[in-house]
Amino acid sequence: MNKTIGWYPGHMAKAKRLLSQQLSRVDVVIEVCDARLPLSSRNPDLLPMIAHKNRFLVLNKADLANPAVTACWNAWFTQQGEVVTEAVGTRPLRALRRLIEEALRERMQRNEQRGVKRTVRAMVVGVPNVGKSTIINTLAGSKTLKAEDRPGVTRANQWVRIAPFIEIMDSPGLLWPRLDNQQAARRLAYIAAIRDEVLDTYRLAQSLAEELMVLEPELFMNRFRVEDASLRGQALMEAICVGRGFIGRGAVPDLDRGASVLLDEFRAGRIGRISLETPPAEDSHAH
């Protein structure tokens, strides 16, 4: 993919400043990443900002990732000293709620003994479009926040009560100011953490198609009726269009439609349960 991904919404720098201010007012930080790409969808600027907090890592959208690979990620993060849990769609996050309550129990008991009924606050953080609002809505048991499959639709600084003395805030998505790692940038674009409007979606889709042909050739070829496993580049995109019947005037493959459908189907998990990254020690095929 020739086009460098280097565009960021202006509100991201502002969001980081706001986040720094808000972190001083919270007791627990819940970092949400996408289970399909747990490293690329984490924010490297975040760890030094939250190192002194009670914190949890949520591998969200685990139903879209390869379960065997997700199990490896769970083990790897645990070895790194992270407290990690998975989340799937809107399934109740009992494990996460339990972890939060455990982390806060001591503080709440101290408050109670002092006769203080201070609300304990938790905060959800992560890059755009990893499902922060969905996590909060699930914990709160209601559709309190606007959740859309596009980056940047969550309003900042909303507090939601999830237990008598526990409130949770949904922070704006936090993306690092410059993506020096273009591979990570592409993968963030695959999951719509970077707005499609600022990208060359055809080249992005072509790059995704080539990765999927390496990672999960059988799933990919079956879904798009591609018969030649050696295809790459435009020839691969043309084969996708032919397989799906996306043919325009003059029998020319409709490459833009093919690109759009490929990205949509990957994001929705319709191609299959696919992980784009494996833990570093095992990272032999997902680069």
C-alpha atoms as a PDB file:
ATOM      1  CA  MET A   1       0.000   0.000   0.000  1.00  0.00           C
ATOM      2  CA  ASN A   2       1.709   3.182  -1.183  1.00  0.00           C
ATOM      3  CA  LYS A   3      -0.416   5.794   0.524  1.00  0.00           C
ATOM      4  CA  THR A   4       0.910   6.755   3.947  1.00  0.00           C
ATOM      5  CA  ILE A   5      -1.712   6.830   6.687  1.00  0.00           C
ATOM      6  CA  GLY A   6      -0.955   9.993   8.609  1.00  0.00           C
ATOM      7  CA  TRP A   7      -4.202  11.922   9.067  1.00  0.00           C
ATOM      8  CA  TYR A   8      -5.740  12.510  12.495  1.00  0.00           C
ATOM      9  CA  PRO A   9      -8.866  14.362  13.632  1.00  0.00           C
ATOM     10  CA  GLY A  10      -7.982  17.644  15.326  1.00  0.00           C
ATOM     11  CA  HIS A  11      -9.886  16.597  18.435  1.00  0.00           C
ATOM     12  CA  MET A  12      -7.388  13.801  19.202  1.00  0.00           C
ATOM     13  CA  ALA A  13      -4.741  16.120  20.710  1.00  0.00           C
ATOM     14  CA  LYS A  14      -7.474  17.871  22.682  1.00  0.00           C
ATOM     15  CA  ALA A  15      -8.818  14.489  23.811  1.00  0.00           C
ATOM     16  CA  LYS A  16      -5.413  13.561  25.178  1.00  0.00           C
ATOM     17  CA  ARG A  17      -5.273  16.777  27.222  1.00  0.00           C
ATOM     18  CA  LEU A  18      -8.800  16.147  28.516  1.00  0.00           C
ATOM     19  CA  LEU A  19      -7.913  12.547  29.336  1.00  0.00           C
ATOM     20  CA  SER A  20      -4.892  13.639  31.377  1.00  0.00           C
ATOM     21  CA  GLN A  21      -7.133  15.947  33.398  1.00  0.00           C
ATOM     22  CA  GLN A  22      -9.811  13.304  33.921  1.00  0.00           C
ATOM     23  CA  LEU A  23      -7.327  10.592  34.953  1.00  0.00           C
ATOM     24  CA  SER A  24      -6.581  12.531  38.125  1.00  0.00           C
ATOM     25  CA  ARG A  25     -10.245  12.036  39.115  1.00  0.00           C
ATOM     26  CA  VAL A  26     -10.596   8.289  38.500  1.00  0.00           C
ATOM     27  CA  ASP A  27      -9.654   5.247  40.550  1.00  0.00           C
ATOM     28  CA  VAL A  28      -9.784   2.563  37.857  1.00  0.00           C
ATOM     29  CA  VAL A  29      -8.879   2.562  34.159  1.00  0.00           C
ATOM     30  CA  ILE A  30     -10.405   0.065  31.720  1.00  0.00           C
ATOM     31  CA  GLU A  31      -8.423  -0.082  28.489  1.00  0.00           C
ATOM     32  CA  VAL A  32     -10.367  -1.533  25.568  1.00  0.00           C
ATOM     33  CA  CYS A  33      -8.616  -2.982  22.538  1.00  0.00           C
ATOM     34  CA  ASP A  34      -9.808  -5.010  19.541  1.00  0.00           C
ATOM     35  CA  ALA A  35      -9.205  -8.745  20.033  1.00  0.00           C
ATOM     36  CA  ARG A  36      -8.294  -9.104  16.342  1.00  0.00           C
ATOM     37  CA  LEU A  37      -5.279  -6.795  16.741  1.00  0.00           C
ATOM     38  CA  PRO A  38      -4.546  -6.331  20.444  1.00  0.00           C
ATOM     39  CA  LEU A  39      -1.184  -4.612  19.982  1.00  0.00           C
ATOM     40  CA  SER A  40      -1.994  -2.271  17.106  1.00  0.00           C
ATOM     41  CA  SER A  41      -5.268  -1.222  18.765  1.00  0.00           C
ATOM     42  CA  ARG A  42      -3.599  -0.239  22.043  1.00  0.00           C
ATOM     43  CA  ASN A  43      -2.314   3.271  22.562  1.00  0.00           C
ATOM     44  CA  PRO A  44       1.412   3.452  23.378  1.00  0.00           C
ATOM     45  CA  ASP A  45       0.960   6.926  24.901  1.00  0.00           C
ATOM     46  CA  LEU A  46      -1.543   5.578  27.386  1.00  0.00           C
ATOM     47  CA  LEU A  47       0.521   3.281  29.614  1.00  0.00           C
ATOM     48  CA  PRO A  48       2.719   5.947  31.223  1.00  0.00           C
ATOM     49  CA  MET A  49      -0.452   7.955  31.904  1.00  0.00           C
ATOM     50  CA  ILE A  50      -2.197   5.095  33.733  1.00  0.00           C
ATOM     51  CA  ALA A  51       0.721   3.103  35.172  1.00  0.00           C
ATOM     52  CA  HIS A  52      -0.170   4.066  38.769  1.00  0.00           C
ATOM     53  CA  LYS A  53      -3.907   3.274  38.451  1.00  0.00           C
ATOM     54  CA  ASN A  54      -5.886   0.103  39.032  1.00  0.00           C
ATOM     55  CA  ARG A  55      -6.267  -0.981  35.426  1.00  0.00           C
ATOM     56  CA  PHE A  56      -7.821  -3.716  33.316  1.00  0.00           C
ATOM     57  CA  LEU A  57      -7.428  -4.679  29.688  1.00  0.00           C
ATOM     58  CA  VAL A  58     -10.517  -5.781  27.741  1.00  0.00           C
ATOM     59  CA  LEU A  59     -10.083  -7.788  24.532  1.00  0.00           C
ATOM     60  CA  ASN A  60     -13.288  -6.596  22.902  1.00  0.00           C
ATOM     61  CA  LYS A  61     -15.050  -8.052  19.838  1.00  0.00           C
ATOM     62  CA  ALA A  62     -13.577 -11.444  20.732  1.00  0.00           C
ATOM     63  CA  ASP A  63     -16.391 -13.054  18.737  1.00  0.00           C
ATOM     64  CA  LEU A  64     -14.749 -11.671  15.567  1.00  0.00           C
ATOM     65  CA  ALA A  65     -11.279 -13.053  16.383  1.00  0.00           C
ATOM     66  CA  ASN A  66      -9.828 -16.559  16.139  1.00  0.00           C
ATOM     67  CA  PRO A  67     -10.607 -18.064  19.586  1.00  0.00           C
ATOM     68  CA  ALA A  68      -7.360 -20.061  19.731  1.00  0.00           C
ATOM     69  CA  VAL A  69      -5.314 -16.926  19.049  1.00  0.00           C
ATOM     70  CA  THR A  70      -7.332 -14.952  21.622  1.00  0.00           C
ATOM     71  CA  ALA A  71      -6.552 -17.635  24.220  1.00  0.00           C
ATOM     72  CA  CYS A  72      -2.843 -17.138  23.428  1.00  0.00           C
ATOM     73  CA  TRP A  73      -3.250 -13.378  23.860  1.00  0.00           C
ATOM     74  CA  ASN A  74      -4.952 -13.909  27.236  1.00  0.00           C
ATOM     75  CA  ALA A  75      -2.014 -16.015  28.408  1.00  0.00           C
ATOM     76  CA  TRP A  76       0.559 -13.584  27.009  1.00  0.00           C
ATOM     77  CA  PHE A  77      -0.988 -10.496  28.595  1.00  0.00           C
ATOM     78  CA  THR A  78      -1.326 -12.329  31.923  1.00  0.00           C
ATOM     79  CA  GLN A  79       2.396 -13.170  31.750  1.00  0.00           C
ATOM     80  CA  GLN A  80       3.056  -9.455  31.180  1.00  0.00           C
ATOM     81  CA  GLY A  81       1.273  -8.711  34.464  1.00  0.00           C
ATOM     82  CA  GLU A  82      -1.921  -7.360  32.888  1.00  0.00           C
ATOM     83  CA  VAL A  83      -5.370  -8.091  34.310  1.00  0.00           C
ATOM     84  CA  VAL A  84      -7.187  -9.127  31.146  1.00  0.00           C
ATOM     85  CA  THR A  85     -10.714 -10.191  30.232  1.00  0.00           C
ATOM     86  CA  GLU A  86     -12.613 -10.800  26.998  1.00  0.00           C
ATOM     87  CA  ALA A  87     -15.823  -9.164  25.842  1.00  0.00           C
ATOM     88  CA  VAL A  88     -18.178 -10.377  23.147  1.00  0.00           C
ATOM     89  CA  GLY A  89     -20.788  -8.066  21.655  1.00  0.00           C
ATOM     90  CA  THR A  90     -23.317  -7.072  24.297  1.00  0.00           C
ATOM     91  CA  ARG A  91     -23.016 -10.212  26.394  1.00  0.00           C
ATOM     92  CA  PRO A  92     -23.086  -9.194  30.079  1.00  0.00           C
ATOM     93  CA  LEU A  93     -19.572  -8.402  31.251  1.00  0.00           C
ATOM     94  CA  ARG A  94     -19.906 -10.196  34.569  1.00  0.00           C
ATOM     95  CA  ALA A  95     -16.187 -10.924  34.821  1.00  0.00           C
ATOM     96  CA  LEU A  96     -15.259  -7.289  34.202  1.00  0.00           C
ATOM     97  CA  ARG A  97     -17.845  -5.949  36.642  1.00  0.00           C
ATOM     98  CA  ARG A  98     -16.544  -8.414  39.255  1.00  0.00           C
ATOM     99  CA  LEU A  99     -12.952  -7.289  38.630  1.00  0.00           C
ATOM    100  CA  ILE A 100     -13.928  -3.628  39.006  1.00  0.00           C
ATOM    101  CA  GLU A 101     -15.867  -4.239  42.215  1.00  0.00           C
ATOM    102  CA  GLU A 102     -12.960  -6.253  43.652  1.00  0.00           C
ATOM    103  CA  ALA A 103     -10.460  -3.529  42.792  1.00  0.00           C
ATOM    104  CA  LEU A 104     -12.662  -0.888  44.393  1.00  0.00           C
ATOM    105  CA  ARG A 105     -13.876  -2.853  47.425  1.00  0.00           C
ATOM    106  CA  GLU A 106     -11.015  -1.768  49.691  1.00  0.00           C
ATOM    107  CA  ARG A 107     -11.422   1.899  48.749  1.00  0.00           C
ATOM    108  CA  MET A 108     -15.203   1.738  49.230  1.00  0.00           C
ATOM    109  CA  GLN A 109     -14.783   0.073  52.628  1.00  0.00           C
ATOM    110  CA  ARG A 110     -12.335   2.803  53.690  1.00  0.00           C
ATOM    111  CA  ASN A 111     -14.797   5.461  52.574  1.00  0.00           C
ATOM    112  CA  GLU A 112     -17.612   3.715  54.451  1.00  0.00           C
ATOM    113  CA  GLN A 113     -15.575   3.525  57.675  1.00  0.00           C
ATOM    114  CA  ARG A 114     -14.914   7.257  57.421  1.00  0.00           C
ATOM    115  CA  GLY A 115     -18.596   7.875  56.782  1.00  0.00           C
ATOM    116  CA  VAL A 116     -17.801   9.151  53.291  1.00  0.00           C
ATOM    117  CA  LYS A 117     -20.168   8.212  50.492  1.00  0.00           C
ATOM    118  CA  ARG A 118     -17.858   9.322  47.703  1.00  0.00           C
ATOM    119  CA  THR A 119     -18.596   7.817  44.328  1.00  0.00           C
ATOM    120  CA  VAL A 120     -15.723   5.702  43.059  1.00  0.00           C
ATOM    121  CA  ARG A 121     -15.001   6.457  39.426  1.00  0.00           C
ATOM    122  CA  ALA A 122     -13.778   4.272  36.599  1.00  0.00           C
ATOM    123  CA  MET A 123     -12.838   5.278  33.095  1.00  0.00           C
ATOM    124  CA  VAL A 124     -12.914   3.473  29.756  1.00  0.00           C
ATOM    125  CA  VAL A 125     -10.127   4.356  27.335  1.00  0.00           C
ATOM    126  CA  GLY A 126      -8.876   3.162  23.958  1.00  0.00           C
ATOM    127  CA  VAL A 127      -8.406   4.080  20.325  1.00  0.00           C
ATOM    128  CA  PRO A 128     -11.518   4.918  18.273  1.00  0.00           C
ATOM    129  CA  ASN A 129     -14.019   2.244  17.312  1.00  0.00           C
ATOM    130  CA  VAL A 130     -12.918  -0.535  19.662  1.00  0.00           C
ATOM    131  CA  GLY A 131     -16.351  -0.593  21.321  1.00  0.00           C
ATOM    132  CA  LYS A 132     -15.968   1.585  24.407  1.00  0.00           C
ATOM    133  CA  SER A 133     -19.588   2.785  24.407  1.00  0.00           C
ATOM    134  CA  THR A 134     -20.895  -0.764  23.981  1.00  0.00           C
ATOM    135  CA  ILE A 135     -18.855  -1.893  27.002  1.00  0.00           C
ATOM    136  CA  ILE A 136     -20.294   0.917  29.117  1.00  0.00           C
ATOM    137  CA  ASN A 137     -23.846   0.354  27.898  1.00  0.00           C
ATOM    138  CA  THR A 138     -23.505  -3.312  28.789  1.00  0.00           C
ATOM    139  CA  LEU A 139     -22.096  -2.585  32.242  1.00  0.00           C
ATOM    140  CA  ALA A 140     -24.795   0.034  32.843  1.00  0.00           C
ATOM    141  CA  GLY A 141     -27.530  -2.216  31.476  1.00  0.00           C
ATOM    142  CA  SER A 142     -28.869   0.417  29.107  1.00  0.00           C
ATOM    143  CA  LYS A 143     -28.136   2.205  25.862  1.00  0.00           C
ATOM    144  CA  THR A 144     -26.906   5.322  27.602  1.00  0.00           C
ATOM    145  CA  LEU A 145     -24.269   6.335  25.083  1.00  0.00           C
ATOM    146  CA  LYS A 146     -24.294   6.634  21.331  1.00  0.00           C
ATOM    147  CA  ALA A 147     -22.502   3.601  19.896  1.00  0.00           C
ATOM    148  CA  GLU A 148     -21.759   3.583  16.181  1.00  0.00           C
ATOM    149  CA  ASP A 149     -19.312   1.657  14.058  1.00  0.00           C
ATOM    150  CA  ARG A 150     -17.450   4.851  13.159  1.00  0.00           C
ATOM    151  CA  PRO A 151     -14.620   6.608  14.964  1.00  0.00           C
ATOM    152  CA  GLY A 152     -15.302   9.847  16.768  1.00  0.00           C
ATOM    153  CA  VAL A 153     -19.046   9.685  17.509  1.00  0.00           C
ATOM    154  CA  THR A 154     -18.788   9.446  21.311  1.00  0.00           C
ATOM    155  CA  ARG A 155     -19.215  12.760  23.138  1.00  0.00           C
ATOM    156  CA  ALA A 156     -16.642  13.437  25.839  1.00  0.00           C
ATOM    157  CA  ASN A 157     -17.020  13.248  29.605  1.00  0.00           C
ATOM    158  CA  GLN A 158     -20.207  11.321  30.269  1.00  0.00           C
ATOM    159  CA  TRP A 159     -20.580   9.584  33.633  1.00  0.00           C
ATOM    160  CA  VAL A 160     -22.762   6.475  33.928  1.00  0.00           C
ATOM    161  CA  ARG A 161     -23.666   4.826  37.243  1.00  0.00           C
ATOM    162  CA  ILE A 162     -23.073   1.040  37.123  1.00  0.00           C
ATOM    163  CA  ALA A 163     -23.433   0.289  40.861  1.00  0.00           C
ATOM    164  CA  PRO A 164     -24.595   2.266  43.927  1.00  0.00           C
ATOM    165  CA  PHE A 165     -21.199   3.915  44.468  1.00  0.00           C
ATOM    166  CA  ILE A 166     -19.486   3.257  41.132  1.00  0.00           C
ATOM    167  CA  GLU A 167     -19.646   5.515  38.087  1.00  0.00           C
ATOM    168  CA  ILE A 168     -17.946   4.953  34.775  1.00  0.00           C
ATOM    169  CA  MET A 169     -16.980   7.531  32.175  1.00  0.00           C
ATOM    170  CA  ASP A 170     -16.660   6.997  28.454  1.00  0.00           C
ATOM    171  CA  SER A 171     -13.608   8.870  27.221  1.00  0.00           C
ATOM    172  CA  PRO A 172     -13.165   9.960  23.631  1.00  0.00           C
ATOM    173  CA  GLY A 173     -11.103   7.595  21.516  1.00  0.00           C
ATOM    174  CA  LEU A 174      -7.397   8.292  21.933  1.00  0.00           C
ATOM    175  CA  LEU A 175      -5.137   7.723  18.942  1.00  0.00           C
ATOM    176  CA  TRP A 176      -1.417   8.519  19.056  1.00  0.00           C
ATOM    177  CA  PRO A 177      -0.490  11.768  17.288  1.00  0.00           C
ATOM    178  CA  ARG A 178       1.700  10.130  14.640  1.00  0.00           C
ATOM    179  CA  LEU A 179       1.552   6.581  13.356  1.00  0.00           C
ATOM    180  CA  ASP A 180       5.169   5.776  12.535  1.00  0.00           C
ATOM    181  CA  ASN A 181       4.305   2.111  12.179  1.00  0.00           C
ATOM    182  CA  GLN A 182       2.420   1.896   8.886  1.00  0.00           C
ATOM    183  CA  GLN A 183       1.491  -1.735   9.474  1.00  0.00           C
ATOM    184  CA  ALA A 184      -0.311  -0.769  12.680  1.00  0.00           C
ATOM    185  CA  ALA A 185      -1.912   2.153  10.835  1.00  0.00           C
ATOM    186  CA  ARG A 186      -3.261  -0.134   8.115  1.00  0.00           C
ATOM    187  CA  ARG A 187      -4.666  -2.545  10.671  1.00  0.00           C
ATOM    188  CA  LEU A 188      -6.375   0.291  12.527  1.00  0.00           C
ATOM    189  CA  ALA A 189      -7.874   1.340   9.200  1.00  0.00           C
ATOM    190  CA  TYR A 190      -9.091  -2.225   8.552  1.00  0.00           C
ATOM    191  CA  ILE A 191     -11.219  -2.051  11.733  1.00  0.00           C
ATOM    192  CA  ALA A 192     -12.401   1.522  10.970  1.00  0.00           C
ATOM    193  CA  ALA A 193     -10.388   3.172  13.754  1.00  0.00           C
ATOM    194  CA  ILE A 194      -9.292   5.690  11.112  1.00  0.00           C
ATOM    195  CA  ARG A 195     -12.007   7.337   9.059  1.00  0.00           C
ATOM    196  CA  ASP A 196     -12.508   5.845   5.598  1.00  0.00           C
ATOM    197  CA  GLU A 197     -13.081   9.309   4.116  1.00  0.00           C
ATOM    198  CA  VAL A 198      -9.403  10.179   4.510  1.00  0.00           C
ATOM    199  CA  LEU A 199      -8.056   6.939   3.072  1.00  0.00           C
ATOM    200  CA  ASP A 200      -7.666   5.380  -0.330  1.00  0.00           C
ATOM    201  CA  THR A 201     -10.202   2.636   0.411  1.00  0.00           C
ATOM    202  CA  TYR A 202      -9.366   0.668  -2.716  1.00  0.00           C
ATOM    203  CA  ARG A 203      -5.686   0.351  -1.767  1.00  0.00           C
ATOM    204  CA  LEU A 204      -6.667  -0.360   1.834  1.00  0.00           C
ATOM    205  CA  ALA A 205      -8.980  -3.175   0.719  1.00  0.00           C
ATOM    206  CA  GLN A 206      -6.300  -4.561  -1.599  1.00  0.00           C
ATOM    207  CA  SER A 207      -3.829  -4.609   1.293  1.00  0.00           C
ATOM    208  CA  LEU A 208      -6.400  -6.359   3.518  1.00  0.00           C
ATOM    209  CA  ALA A 209      -7.150  -8.920   0.797  1.00  0.00           C
ATOM    210  CA  GLU A 210      -3.449  -9.735   0.487  1.00  0.00           C
ATOM    211  CA  GLU A 211      -3.085 -10.145   4.270  1.00  0.00           C
ATOM    212  CA  LEU A 212      -6.143 -12.391   4.467  1.00  0.00           C
ATOM    213  CA  MET A 213      -4.824 -14.547   1.616  1.00  0.00           C
ATOM    214  CA  VAL A 214      -1.794 -15.250   3.820  1.00  0.00           C
ATOM    215  CA  LEU A 215      -3.535 -15.507   7.211  1.00  0.00           C
ATOM    216  CA  GLU A 216      -6.766 -17.331   6.339  1.00  0.00           C
ATOM    217  CA  PRO A 217      -6.675 -18.316   2.639  1.00  0.00           C
ATOM    218  CA  GLU A 218      -9.422 -20.926   2.898  1.00  0.00           C
ATOM    219  CA  LEU A 219     -11.930 -18.675   4.669  1.00  0.00           C
ATOM    220  CA  PHE A 220     -11.151 -15.789   2.353  1.00  0.00           C
ATOM    221  CA  MET A 221     -11.214 -17.736  -0.920  1.00  0.00           C
ATOM    222  CA  ASN A 222     -14.463 -19.483  -0.011  1.00  0.00           C
ATOM    223  CA  ARG A 223     -16.177 -16.240   0.926  1.00  0.00           C
ATOM    224  CA  PHE A 224     -15.188 -14.396  -2.252  1.00  0.00           C
ATOM    225  CA  ARG A 225     -15.078 -17.378  -4.618  1.00  0.00           C
ATOM    226  CA  VAL A 226     -11.439 -16.782  -5.499  1.00  0.00           C
ATOM    227  CA  GLU A 227      -9.920 -19.866  -7.107  1.00  0.00           C
ATOM    228  CA  ASP A 228      -6.252 -18.931  -7.598  1.00  0.00           C
ATOM    229  CA  ALA A 229      -4.301 -18.749  -4.316  1.00  0.00           C
ATOM    230  CA  SER A 230      -1.355 -17.015  -5.991  1.00  0.00           C
ATOM    231  CA  LEU A 231      -3.279 -13.855  -6.942  1.00  0.00           C
ATOM    232  CA  ARG A 232      -2.155 -10.529  -5.474  1.00  0.00           C
ATOM    233  CA  GLY A 233      -2.703  -6.833  -6.181  1.00  0.00           C
ATOM    234  CA  GLN A 234      -5.310  -5.714  -8.703  1.00  0.00           C
ATOM    235  CA  ALA A 235      -5.664  -9.243 -10.087  1.00  0.00           C
ATOM    236  CA  LEU A 236      -6.867 -10.387  -6.655  1.00  0.00           C
ATOM    237  CA  MET A 237      -9.350  -7.514  -6.403  1.00  0.00           C
ATOM    238  CA  GLU A 238     -10.648  -8.311  -9.888  1.00  0.00           C
ATOM    239  CA  ALA A 239     -11.113 -11.967  -8.894  1.00  0.00           C
ATOM    240  CA  ILE A 240     -13.147 -10.849  -5.857  1.00  0.00           C
ATOM    241  CA  CYS A 241     -15.401  -8.779  -8.130  1.00  0.00           C
ATOM    242  CA  VAL A 242     -15.829 -11.626 -10.617  1.00  0.00           C
ATOM    243  CA  GLY A 243     -16.567 -14.108  -7.821  1.00  0.00           C
ATOM    244  CA  ARG A 244     -19.270 -11.852  -6.401  1.00  0.00           C
ATOM    245  CA  GLY A 245     -20.652 -10.658  -9.731  1.00  0.00           C
ATOM    246  CA  PHE A 246     -19.550  -7.041  -9.259  1.00  0.00           C
ATOM    247  CA  ILE A 247     -19.220  -6.322 -12.968  1.00  0.00           C
ATOM    248  CA  GLY A 248     -19.878  -2.884 -14.451  1.00  0.00           C
ATOM    249  CA  ARG A 249     -20.370  -1.607 -17.971  1.00  0.00           C
ATOM    250  CA  GLY A 250     -18.285  -3.228 -20.644  1.00  0.00           C
ATOM    251  CA  ALA A 251     -17.755  -6.295 -18.418  1.00  0.00           C
ATOM    252  CA  VAL A 252     -15.264  -4.324 -16.297  1.00  0.00           C
ATOM    253  CA  PRO A 253     -14.932  -5.416 -12.632  1.00  0.00           C
ATOM    254  CA  ASP A 254     -16.388  -2.795 -10.248  1.00  0.00           C
ATOM    255  CA  LEU A 255     -13.272  -2.484  -8.088  1.00  0.00           C
ATOM    256  CA  ASP A 256     -14.668   0.241  -5.816  1.00  0.00           C
ATOM    257  CA  ARG A 257     -17.690  -1.881  -4.947  1.00  0.00           C
ATOM    258  CA  GLY A 258     -15.489  -4.921  -4.366  1.00  0.00           C
ATOM    259  CA  ALA A 259     -13.260  -2.899  -2.044  1.00  0.00           C
ATOM    260  CA  SER A 260     -16.203  -1.515  -0.085  1.00  0.00           C
ATOM    261  CA  VAL A 261     -17.837  -4.937   0.351  1.00  0.00           C
ATOM    262  CA  LEU A 262     -14.556  -6.552   1.425  1.00  0.00           C
ATOM    263  CA  LEU A 263     -13.965  -3.949   4.149  1.00  0.00           C
ATOM    264  CA  ASP A 264     -17.591  -4.091   5.344  1.00  0.00           C
ATOM    265  CA  GLU A 265     -17.620  -7.889   5.529  1.00  0.00           C
ATOM    266  CA  PHE A 266     -14.299  -8.083   7.353  1.00  0.00           C
ATOM    267  CA  ARG A 267     -15.411  -5.491   9.924  1.00  0.00           C
ATOM    268  CA  ALA A 268     -18.672  -7.343  10.522  1.00  0.00           C
ATOM    269  CA  GLY A 269     -16.944 -10.721  10.895  1.00  0.00           C
ATOM    270  CA  ARG A 270     -18.741 -12.216   7.903  1.00  0.00           C
ATOM    271  CA  ILE A 271     -15.564 -13.637   6.363  1.00  0.00           C
ATOM    272  CA  GLY A 272     -14.931 -15.641   9.531  1.00  0.00           C
ATOM    273  CA  ARG A 273     -13.216 -15.336  12.904  1.00  0.00           C
ATOM    274  CA  ILE A 274      -9.870 -13.856  11.931  1.00  0.00           C
ATOM    275  CA  SER A 275      -7.023 -12.536  14.093  1.00  0.00           C
ATOM    276  CA  LEU A 276      -4.559 -10.196  12.401  1.00  0.00           C
ATOM    277  CA  GLU A 277      -1.927 -10.438  15.151  1.00  0.00           C
ATOM    278  CA  THR A 278      -0.507 -13.179  17.340  1.00  0.00           C
ATOM    279  CA  PRO A 279       1.499 -12.636  20.547  1.00  0.00           C
ATOM    280  CA  PRO A 280       5.128 -11.601  19.883  1.00  0.00           C
ATOM    281  CA  ALA A 281       6.692 -14.931  20.911  1.00  0.00           C
ATOM    282  CA  GLU A 282       4.431 -16.738  18.462  1.00  0.00           C
ATOM    283  CA  ASP A 283       4.320 -14.059  15.788  1.00  0.00           C
ATOM    284  CA  SER A 284       5.404 -16.226  12.901  1.00  0.00           C
ATOM    285  CA  HIS A 285       2.536 -15.660  10.458  1.00  0.00           C
ATOM    286  CA  ALA A 286       0.751 -12.419  11.400  1.00  0.00           C
ATOM    287  CA  HIS A 287       3.158  -9.584  10.709  1.00  0.00           C
END
